[in-house]
Every structure is written in structure tokens, then in C-alpha cells.
C-alpha atoms as a PDB file:
ATOM      1  CA  MET A   1     -40.847  -5.945 -13.692  1.00  0.00           C
ATOM      2  CA  ARG A   2     -37.815  -6.989 -11.609  1.00  0.00           C
ATOM      3  CA  SER A   3     -38.748  -8.960  -8.721  1.00  0.00           C
ATOM      4  CA  ALA A   4     -37.276  -8.727  -4.962  1.00  0.00           C
ATOM      5  CA  SER A   5     -35.280 -11.911  -5.345  1.00  0.00           C
ATOM      6  CA  ASP A   6     -33.767 -10.559  -8.652  1.00  0.00           C
ATOM      7  CA  ASP A   7     -32.555  -7.301  -6.740  1.00  0.00           C
ATOM      8  CA  LEU A   8     -31.025  -9.409  -4.080  1.00  0.00           C
ATOM      9  CA  THR A   9     -29.253 -11.517  -6.647  1.00  0.00           C
ATOM     10  CA  ALA A  10     -28.003  -8.463  -8.456  1.00  0.00           C
ATOM     11  CA  ARG A  11     -27.034  -6.883  -5.196  1.00  0.00           C
ATOM     12  CA  ALA A  12     -24.800  -9.987  -4.225  1.00  0.00           C
ATOM     13  CA  ARG A  13     -23.516 -10.113  -7.766  1.00  0.00           C
ATOM     14  CA  ILE A  14     -22.372  -6.592  -7.709  1.00  0.00           C
ATOM     15  CA  ARG A  15     -20.801  -7.019  -4.126  1.00  0.00           C
ATOM     16  CA  ASP A  16     -18.977 -10.163  -5.230  1.00  0.00           C
ATOM     17  CA  THR A  17     -17.823  -8.515  -8.357  1.00  0.00           C
ATOM     18  CA  ALA A  18     -16.523  -5.548  -6.483  1.00  0.00           C
ATOM     19  CA  ILE A  19     -14.528  -7.775  -3.993  1.00  0.00           C
ATOM     20  CA  ARG A  20     -12.676  -9.423  -7.032  1.00  0.00           C
ATOM     21  CA  ALA A  21     -12.196  -6.035  -8.692  1.00  0.00           C
ATOM     22  CA  PHE A  22     -11.060  -4.189  -5.471  1.00  0.00           C
ATOM     23  CA  ALA A  23      -8.777  -7.235  -4.621  1.00  0.00           C
ATOM     24  CA  ARG A  24      -7.182  -7.442  -7.958  1.00  0.00           C
ATOM     25  CA  ASP A  25      -6.704  -3.705  -8.764  1.00  0.00           C
ATOM     26  CA  GLY A  26      -7.175  -1.766  -5.707  1.00  0.00           C
ATOM     27  CA  PHE A  27      -9.936   0.572  -4.272  1.00  0.00           C
ATOM     28  CA  ASP A  28      -8.689   3.710  -5.859  1.00  0.00           C
ATOM     29  CA  ALA A  29      -8.179   2.227  -9.291  1.00  0.00           C
ATOM     30  CA  THR A  30     -11.578   0.669  -9.683  1.00  0.00           C
ATOM     31  CA  SER A  31     -14.484   2.626 -10.865  1.00  0.00           C
ATOM     32  CA  LEU A  32     -18.161   1.885 -10.461  1.00  0.00           C
ATOM     33  CA  ARG A  33     -18.420   1.848 -14.055  1.00  0.00           C
ATOM     34  CA  SER A  34     -15.559  -0.874 -14.432  1.00  0.00           C
ATOM     35  CA  ILE A  35     -17.544  -2.972 -11.716  1.00  0.00           C
ATOM     36  CA  ALA A  36     -20.930  -2.523 -13.596  1.00  0.00           C
ATOM     37  CA  ARG A  37     -19.059  -3.685 -16.765  1.00  0.00           C
ATOM     38  CA  GLU A  38     -17.759  -6.765 -15.071  1.00  0.00           C
ATOM     39  CA  ALA A  39     -21.018  -7.687 -13.230  1.00  0.00           C
ATOM     40  CA  GLU A  40     -22.886  -7.025 -16.400  1.00  0.00           C
ATOM     41  CA  VAL A  41     -25.287  -4.537 -14.876  1.00  0.00           C
ATOM     42  CA  SER A  42     -25.681  -0.653 -15.313  1.00  0.00           C
ATOM     43  CA  PRO A  43     -23.892   1.790 -13.165  1.00  0.00           C
ATOM     44  CA  ALA A  44     -27.322   3.162 -12.220  1.00  0.00           C
ATOM     45  CA  LEU A  45     -28.229  -0.262 -10.572  1.00  0.00           C
ATOM     46  CA  ILE A  46     -24.966  -0.008  -8.358  1.00  0.00           C
ATOM     47  CA  VAL A  47     -25.969   3.454  -7.228  1.00  0.00           C
ATOM     48  CA  HIS A  48     -29.592   2.159  -6.779  1.00  0.00           C
ATOM     49  CA  HIS A  49     -28.269  -0.707  -4.459  1.00  0.00           C
ATOM     50  CA  PHE A  50     -25.146   0.982  -2.882  1.00  0.00           C
ATOM     51  CA  GLY A  51     -25.181   4.724  -3.321  1.00  0.00           C
ATOM     52  CA  ASP A  52     -21.656   5.320  -3.955  1.00  0.00           C
ATOM     53  CA  LYS A  53     -18.298   3.508  -4.034  1.00  0.00           C
ATOM     54  CA  ASN A  54     -17.528   4.159  -0.347  1.00  0.00           C
ATOM     55  CA  THR A  55     -20.659   2.473   0.604  1.00  0.00           C
ATOM     56  CA  LEU A  56     -20.054  -0.423  -1.609  1.00  0.00           C
ATOM     57  CA  ARG A  57     -16.503  -0.772  -0.089  1.00  0.00           C
ATOM     58  CA  ALA A  58     -17.868  -0.806   3.400  1.00  0.00           C
ATOM     59  CA  GLU A  59     -20.421  -3.561   2.559  1.00  0.00           C
ATOM     60  CA  CYS A  60     -17.604  -5.576   0.717  1.00  0.00           C
ATOM     61  CA  ASP A  61     -15.404  -5.185   3.899  1.00  0.00           C
ATOM     62  CA  ALA A  62     -18.247  -6.244   6.115  1.00  0.00           C
ATOM     63  CA  HIS A  63     -18.932  -9.355   3.934  1.00  0.00           C
ATOM     64  CA  VAL A  64     -15.151 -10.387   3.899  1.00  0.00           C
ATOM     65  CA  VAL A  65     -14.910 -10.049   7.654  1.00  0.00           C
ATOM     66  CA  SER A  66     -18.158 -12.085   7.991  1.00  0.00           C
ATOM     67  CA  ILE A  67     -16.681 -14.982   6.098  1.00  0.00           C
ATOM     68  CA  PHE A  68     -14.017 -15.360   8.417  1.00  0.00           C
ATOM     69  CA  ILE A  69     -15.040 -14.374  11.881  1.00  0.00           C
ATOM     70  CA  ASP A  70     -18.988 -14.229  11.960  1.00  0.00           C
ATOM     71  CA  ASP A  71     -20.244 -17.286  13.876  1.00  0.00           C
ATOM     72  CA  GLU A  72     -23.404 -17.036  11.861  1.00  0.00           C
ATOM     73  CA  HIS A  73     -21.990 -16.916   8.348  1.00  0.00           C
ATOM     74  CA  VAL A  74     -22.538 -20.241   6.684  1.00  0.00           C
ATOM     75  CA  VAL A  75     -19.883 -20.178   4.095  1.00  0.00           C
ATOM     76  CA  ILE A  76     -17.208 -21.855   6.279  1.00  0.00           C
ATOM     77  CA  GLU A  77     -18.400 -23.558   9.294  1.00  0.00           C
ATOM     78  CA  ALA A  78     -15.304 -23.616  11.493  1.00  0.00           C
ATOM     79  CA  PRO A  79     -13.597 -21.329  14.044  1.00  0.00           C
ATOM     80  CA  THR A  80     -11.698 -18.333  12.802  1.00  0.00           C
ATOM     81  CA  GLN A  81      -8.270 -20.185  12.281  1.00  0.00           C
ATOM     82  CA  ASP A  82     -10.001 -23.148  10.611  1.00  0.00           C
ATOM     83  CA  ARG A  83     -11.909 -20.938   8.450  1.00  0.00           C
ATOM     84  CA  ILE A  84      -8.800 -19.273   7.051  1.00  0.00           C
ATOM     85  CA  ARG A  85      -7.008 -22.598   6.798  1.00  0.00           C
ATOM     86  CA  ALA A  86     -10.133 -24.156   4.876  1.00  0.00           C
ATOM     87  CA  ALA A  87     -10.250 -20.988   2.651  1.00  0.00           C
ATOM     88  CA  MET A  88      -6.588 -21.407   1.753  1.00  0.00           C
ATOM     89  CA  HIS A  89      -7.230 -25.056   0.792  1.00  0.00           C
ATOM     90  CA  ASP A  90      -9.869 -23.881  -1.784  1.00  0.00           C
ATOM     91  CA  ILE A  91      -7.945 -21.049  -3.412  1.00  0.00           C
ATOM     92  CA  GLU A  92     -10.033 -21.127  -6.581  1.00  0.00           C
ATOM     93  CA  ARG A  93     -13.001 -20.205  -4.684  1.00  0.00           C
ATOM     94  CA  TYR A  94     -11.831 -18.156  -1.954  1.00  0.00           C
ATOM     95  CA  GLY A  95      -8.662 -16.575  -3.465  1.00  0.00           C
ATOM     96  CA  PRO A  96     -10.412 -13.269  -4.088  1.00  0.00           C
ATOM     97  CA  TYR A  97     -11.535 -13.165  -0.505  1.00  0.00           C
ATOM     98  CA  ILE A  98      -8.010 -13.725   0.717  1.00  0.00           C
ATOM     99  CA  ASP A  99      -6.642 -11.142  -1.519  1.00  0.00           C
ATOM    100  CA  TYR A 100      -9.114  -8.682  -0.609  1.00  0.00           C
ATOM    101  CA  LEU A 101      -8.370  -9.316   3.070  1.00  0.00           C
ATOM    102  CA  GLY A 102      -4.825  -8.581   2.404  1.00  0.00           C
ATOM    103  CA  ARG A 103      -5.539  -5.276   0.880  1.00  0.00           C
ATOM    104  CA  MET A 104      -8.098  -4.408   3.579  1.00  0.00           C
ATOM    105  CA  LEU A 105      -5.510  -4.977   6.121  1.00  0.00           C
ATOM    106  CA  LEU A 106      -3.034  -2.678   4.687  1.00  0.00           C
ATOM    107  CA  ASP A 107      -5.435   0.011   3.605  1.00  0.00           C
ATOM    108  CA  GLY A 108      -7.020   0.161   7.050  1.00  0.00           C
ATOM    109  CA  SER A 109     -10.861   0.369   7.797  1.00  0.00           C
ATOM    110  CA  ALA A 110     -13.026  -0.161  10.978  1.00  0.00           C
ATOM    111  CA  ALA A 111     -13.761  -3.561   9.413  1.00  0.00           C
ATOM    112  CA  ALA A 112     -10.089  -4.306   9.103  1.00  0.00           C
ATOM    113  CA  ASP A 113      -9.428  -3.273  12.707  1.00  0.00           C
ATOM    114  CA  ARG A 114     -12.149  -5.583  13.864  1.00  0.00           C
ATOM    115  CA  LEU A 115     -10.725  -8.580  11.765  1.00  0.00           C
ATOM    116  CA  PHE A 116      -7.103  -8.103  12.993  1.00  0.00           C
ATOM    117  CA  ASP A 117      -8.443  -7.749  16.514  1.00  0.00           C
ATOM    118  CA  ALA A 118     -10.170 -11.053  16.299  1.00  0.00           C
ATOM    119  CA  LEU A 119      -7.100 -12.705  14.559  1.00  0.00           C
ATOM    120  CA  LEU A 120      -5.038 -11.416  17.390  1.00  0.00           C
ATOM    121  CA  ALA A 121      -7.379 -12.369  19.979  1.00  0.00           C
ATOM    122  CA  GLY A 122      -7.354 -15.974  18.442  1.00  0.00           C
ATOM    123  CA  THR A 123      -3.570 -16.339  18.437  1.00  0.00           C
ATOM    124  CA  ARG A 124      -3.407 -14.975  22.241  1.00  0.00           C
ATOM    125  CA  ALA A 125      -5.979 -17.785  23.107  1.00  0.00           C
ATOM    126  CA  ILE A 126      -3.901 -20.529  21.184  1.00  0.00           C
ATOM    127  CA  LEU A 127      -0.615 -19.234  22.971  1.00  0.00           C
ATOM    128  CA  ASP A 128      -2.426 -19.083  26.308  1.00  0.00           C
ATOM    129  CA  ASP A 129      -3.618 -22.753  26.002  1.00  0.00           C
ATOM    130  CA  GLN A 130      -0.218 -23.874  24.815  1.00  0.00           C
ATOM    131  CA  ARG A 131       1.420 -21.999  27.703  1.00  0.00           C
ATOM    132  CA  ASN A 132      -0.830 -23.706  30.250  1.00  0.00           C
ATOM    133  CA  THR A 133       0.359 -27.145  28.931  1.00  0.00           C
ATOM    134  CA  GLY A 134       3.907 -26.157  29.097  1.00  0.00           C
ATOM    135  CA  MET A 135       4.585 -25.935  25.487  1.00  0.00           C
ATOM    136  CA  LEU A 136       6.092 -22.378  25.433  1.00  0.00           C
ATOM    137  CA  GLU A 137       9.298 -20.963  26.506  1.00  0.00           C
ATOM    138  CA  PRO A 138       9.299 -17.916  28.955  1.00  0.00           C
ATOM    139  CA  MET A 139       8.416 -14.610  27.135  1.00  0.00           C
ATOM    140  CA  SER A 140       9.939 -11.065  27.915  1.00  0.00           C
ATOM    141  CA  ASP A 141       6.886  -9.498  26.508  1.00  0.00           C
ATOM    142  CA  PRO A 142       4.127 -11.874  25.921  1.00  0.00           C
ATOM    143  CA  ASP A 143       1.821  -9.133  24.090  1.00  0.00           C
ATOM    144  CA  MET A 144       4.618  -8.475  21.688  1.00  0.00           C
ATOM    145  CA  THR A 145       5.228 -11.975  21.038  1.00  0.00           C
ATOM    146  CA  THR A 146       1.629 -12.643  20.381  1.00  0.00           C
ATOM    147  CA  LEU A 147       1.573  -9.669  17.944  1.00  0.00           C
ATOM    148  CA  LEU A 148       4.496 -10.941  16.070  1.00  0.00           C
ATOM    149  CA  VAL A 149       3.397 -14.516  15.715  1.00  0.00           C
ATOM    150  CA  THR A 150      -0.018 -13.001  14.218  1.00  0.00           C
ATOM    151  CA  LEU A 151       1.864 -10.988  11.909  1.00  0.00           C
ATOM    152  CA  ILE A 152       3.796 -14.114  10.771  1.00  0.00           C
ATOM    153  CA  GLY A 153       0.484 -15.901  10.049  1.00  0.00           C
ATOM    154  CA  LEU A 154      -0.759 -12.769   8.067  1.00  0.00           C
ATOM    155  CA  GLY A 155       2.399 -12.478   6.127  1.00  0.00           C
ATOM    156  CA  PRO A 156       1.536 -14.928   3.411  1.00  0.00           C
ATOM    157  CA  VAL A 157      -1.857 -13.465   2.945  1.00  0.00           C
ATOM    158  CA  ILE A 158      -0.620  -9.882   2.696  1.00  0.00           C
ATOM    159  CA  MET A 159       2.542 -10.743   0.702  1.00  0.00           C
ATOM    160  CA  ARG A 160       0.782 -13.436  -1.516  1.00  0.00           C
ATOM    161  CA  ALA A 161       1.709 -12.147  -4.697  1.00  0.00           C
ATOM    162  CA  GLN A 162       5.560 -11.135  -3.723  1.00  0.00           C
ATOM    163  CA  MET A 163       5.942 -14.804  -2.335  1.00  0.00           C
ATOM    164  CA  ALA A 164       4.506 -16.417  -5.542  1.00  0.00           C
ATOM    165  CA  ARG A 165       7.009 -14.150  -7.666  1.00  0.00           C
ATOM    166  CA  VAL A 166      10.001 -15.314  -5.716  1.00  0.00           C
ATOM    167  CA  LEU A 167       9.005 -19.065  -5.023  1.00  0.00           C
ATOM    168  CA  GLY A 168       7.249 -19.693  -8.454  1.00  0.00           C
ATOM    169  CA  SER A 169       4.102 -20.964  -6.796  1.00  0.00           C
ATOM    170  CA  ASP A 170       1.182 -19.846  -4.864  1.00  0.00           C
ATOM    171  CA  GLN A 171       2.121 -20.425  -1.148  1.00  0.00           C
ATOM    172  CA  LEU A 172      -1.491 -20.194  -0.239  1.00  0.00           C
ATOM    173  CA  SER A 173      -2.226 -23.503  -2.136  1.00  0.00           C
ATOM    174  CA  PRO A 174      -2.349 -26.852  -0.437  1.00  0.00           C
ATOM    175  CA  ALA A 175       1.190 -27.622  -1.628  1.00  0.00           C
ATOM    176  CA  GLY A 176       2.418 -24.182  -0.767  1.00  0.00           C
ATOM    177  CA  LEU A 177       1.060 -24.440   2.649  1.00  0.00           C
ATOM    178  CA  ARG A 178       2.611 -27.823   3.066  1.00  0.00           C
ATOM    179  CA  ARG A 179       5.928 -26.337   2.073  1.00  0.00           C
ATOM    180  CA  MET A 180       5.606 -23.632   4.728  1.00  0.00           C
ATOM    181  CA  THR A 181       4.646 -25.681   7.532  1.00  0.00           C
ATOM    182  CA  VAL A 182       7.869 -27.192   8.791  1.00  0.00           C
ATOM    183  CA  PRO A 183      10.055 -24.178   8.163  1.00  0.00           C
ATOM    184  CA  THR A 184       7.624 -22.122  10.006  1.00  0.00           C
ATOM    185  CA  LEU A 185       7.585 -24.490  13.032  1.00  0.00           C
ATOM    186  CA  GLU A 186      11.262 -24.597  12.825  1.00  0.00           C
ATOM    187  CA  LEU A 187      11.479 -20.905  13.099  1.00  0.00           C
ATOM    188  CA  LEU A 188       9.033 -20.847  16.075  1.00  0.00           C
ATOM    189  CA  THR A 189      10.631 -24.003  17.765  1.00  0.00           C
ATOM    190  CA  HIS A 190      14.418 -23.453  17.472  1.00  0.00           C
ATOM    191  CA  GLY A 191      14.970 -19.868  15.975  1.00  0.00           C
ATOM    192  CA  ILE A 192      17.661 -19.352  13.433  1.00  0.00           C
ATOM    193  CA  TYR A 193      20.574 -18.196  15.397  1.00  0.00           C
ATOM    194  CA  SER A 194      22.940 -20.785  16.905  1.00  0.00           C
ATOM    195  CA  THR A 195      24.321 -18.738  19.616  1.00  0.00           C
ATOM    196  CA  THR A 196      22.953 -16.125  22.055  1.00  0.00           C
ATOM    197  CA  SER A 197      25.279 -13.360  21.098  1.00  0.00           C
ATOM    198  CA  LEU A 198      22.921 -10.994  19.315  1.00  0.00           C
ATOM    199  CA  LEU A 199      20.239 -11.597  21.912  1.00  0.00           C
ATOM    200  CA  ASP A 200      22.650 -10.916  24.701  1.00  0.00           C
ATOM    201  CA  GLY A 201      24.043  -7.850  22.992  1.00  0.00           C
ATOM    202  CA  ALA A 202      20.610  -6.501  22.368  1.00  0.00           C
ATOM    203  CA  ARG A 203      19.567  -6.841  26.086  1.00  0.00           C
ATOM    204  CA  ALA A 204      22.792  -5.181  27.182  1.00  0.00           C
ATOM    205  CA  ALA A 205      22.351  -2.412  24.935  1.00  0.00           C
ATOM    206  CA  LEU A 206      18.897  -1.810  25.956  1.00  0.00           C
ATOM    207  CA  ALA A 207      19.797  -2.111  29.697  1.00  0.00           C
ATOM    208  CA  ASP A 208      22.523   0.648  29.157  1.00  0.00           C
ATOM    209  CA  GLU A 209      19.934   2.752  27.320  1.00  0.00           C
ATOM    210  CA  GLU A 210      17.367   2.346  30.114  1.00  0.00           C
ATOM    211  CA  GLU A 211      20.086   3.389  32.736  1.00  0.00           C
ATOM    212  CA  GLN A 212      20.831   6.437  30.816  1.00  0.00           C
ATOM    213  CA  LEU A 213      17.279   7.784  30.296  1.00  0.00           C
ATOM    214  CA  PRO A 214      16.866   9.287  33.850  1.00  0.00           C
ATOM    215  CA  ALA A 215      20.068  11.058  33.502  1.00  0.00           C
ATOM    216  CA  ASP A 216      19.291  12.466  30.350  1.00  0.00           C
ATOM    217  CA  GLY A 217      16.004  13.646  31.431  1.00  0.00           C
ATOM    218  CA  ALA A 218      17.521  15.228  34.611  1.00  0.00           C
ATOM    219  CA  GLU A 219      20.111  17.100  32.333  1.00  0.00           C
ATOM    220  CA  LYS A 220      17.456  18.410  29.923  1.00  0.00           C
ATOM    221  CA  GLY A 221      15.394  19.603  32.971  1.00  0.00           C
ATOM    222  CA  SER A 222      18.327  21.345  34.540  1.00  0.00           C
ATOM    223  CA  ALA A 223      19.066  23.052  31.296  1.00  0.00           C
ATOM    224  CA  SER A 224      15.727  24.458  30.874  1.00  0.00           C
END
């Protein structure tokens, strides 16, 4: 007779196998039967533990999120940003979690929203601290800048395969992260344009557009 501990071990093995399969092949392309085959269990055991694929996915989502943002999770003992950094330095172990995270953020779910909000809040806290120490230039729209910096950080996670294809190596490996460090800081510190002409032109164009909006609205109102 299977013991309770055996059931817990099988449940965790199924979940971890599903995380790898969903990360590798995508949710829609992965069946319970293929997960069962890879986990070396019966499809009936997956149904016993999880009911259906949607419930299994929800548990996978929750587990991956907990690895990066739950304070009580024991896999990586560090704040959110340090957890992700530590995971990136142990790609062999955490690669499937990072790939799953990338798919999850693109597919969208309540867990993905929770994770993204936590990462955004972490970025905001870092920028607030840097602003208070005088490290930041003035920002026309701090909320949008915070969002853009967060997206820059998530880019290598979401586009991991494409970056590896173009550059010939995994940019989430320690060597890849070292290669990205200085160019990323150059971009954030100095930008890439040597003049302000594009910025000045954009500001002028947007200002003209703002001036025209009330007049356009008045014309539409009078026409109706």
C-alpha cells in the first residue's frame, strides 16, 4: 500500500515534471499523458492528485512564483532580486523555473500578475532608494520609467532562447550575465544617442499634439 509520504513525493515529482514540460513545450502542447510518461507515473495518478491539467498548471504557477517571491520558501534564501540572480547563476538547477516564468509572464495568469507586480514593486523600491541618494536623473514619468526598467530586466528571461540563438550562448549563464552587465549599465547610465535631437523632436511633437486636442474635441462637439 502506498504511504502518505509516497503520495507527497509523487505529487512533487509530477509537479516538477509538469513545470519542465510546460516550460519546454508550452501548456497547450503538453498533455497529462505525456507528463505521466515523463514522470513515470500513470495518468490516473495525476488525476488523483490534481484533477485536471488546469489545476496542475495552477499549482505549477504557484510553486514557481513561491520560488522567487515567497519569504518562507526555502529553495533560495534571499530577497526577490537576489533570488532571481542566484537562480540565474545555477541554470542547470533552476533553468526550467526561469523558462516557466518566462512563459507564464507571456501567457498571463493571476500568479503571473502577482509575480510581475512583485518585480515591479522591487524595481520601484530600488529606484526610490537610488533617487534618495542622488543617483538618478530627473524623470518626466517615474512610473513609466520604473515599468521600462522592469521590462529590461525581464527581457533576458522572456527572450532567453532568441538571445542564445543570436549570441551563440545562454545569456542567463554566469558568463552571459557578465557580458550583459556593462552594456546594460552603459545603456541606463549614458543612453545610446549622442545628441538630444530625437528627444527634443519628440517633446515638441507631443506638445503640438496636446495643444491640438482641445480644438479637435471642440470641433467634433460642434459638428455633432
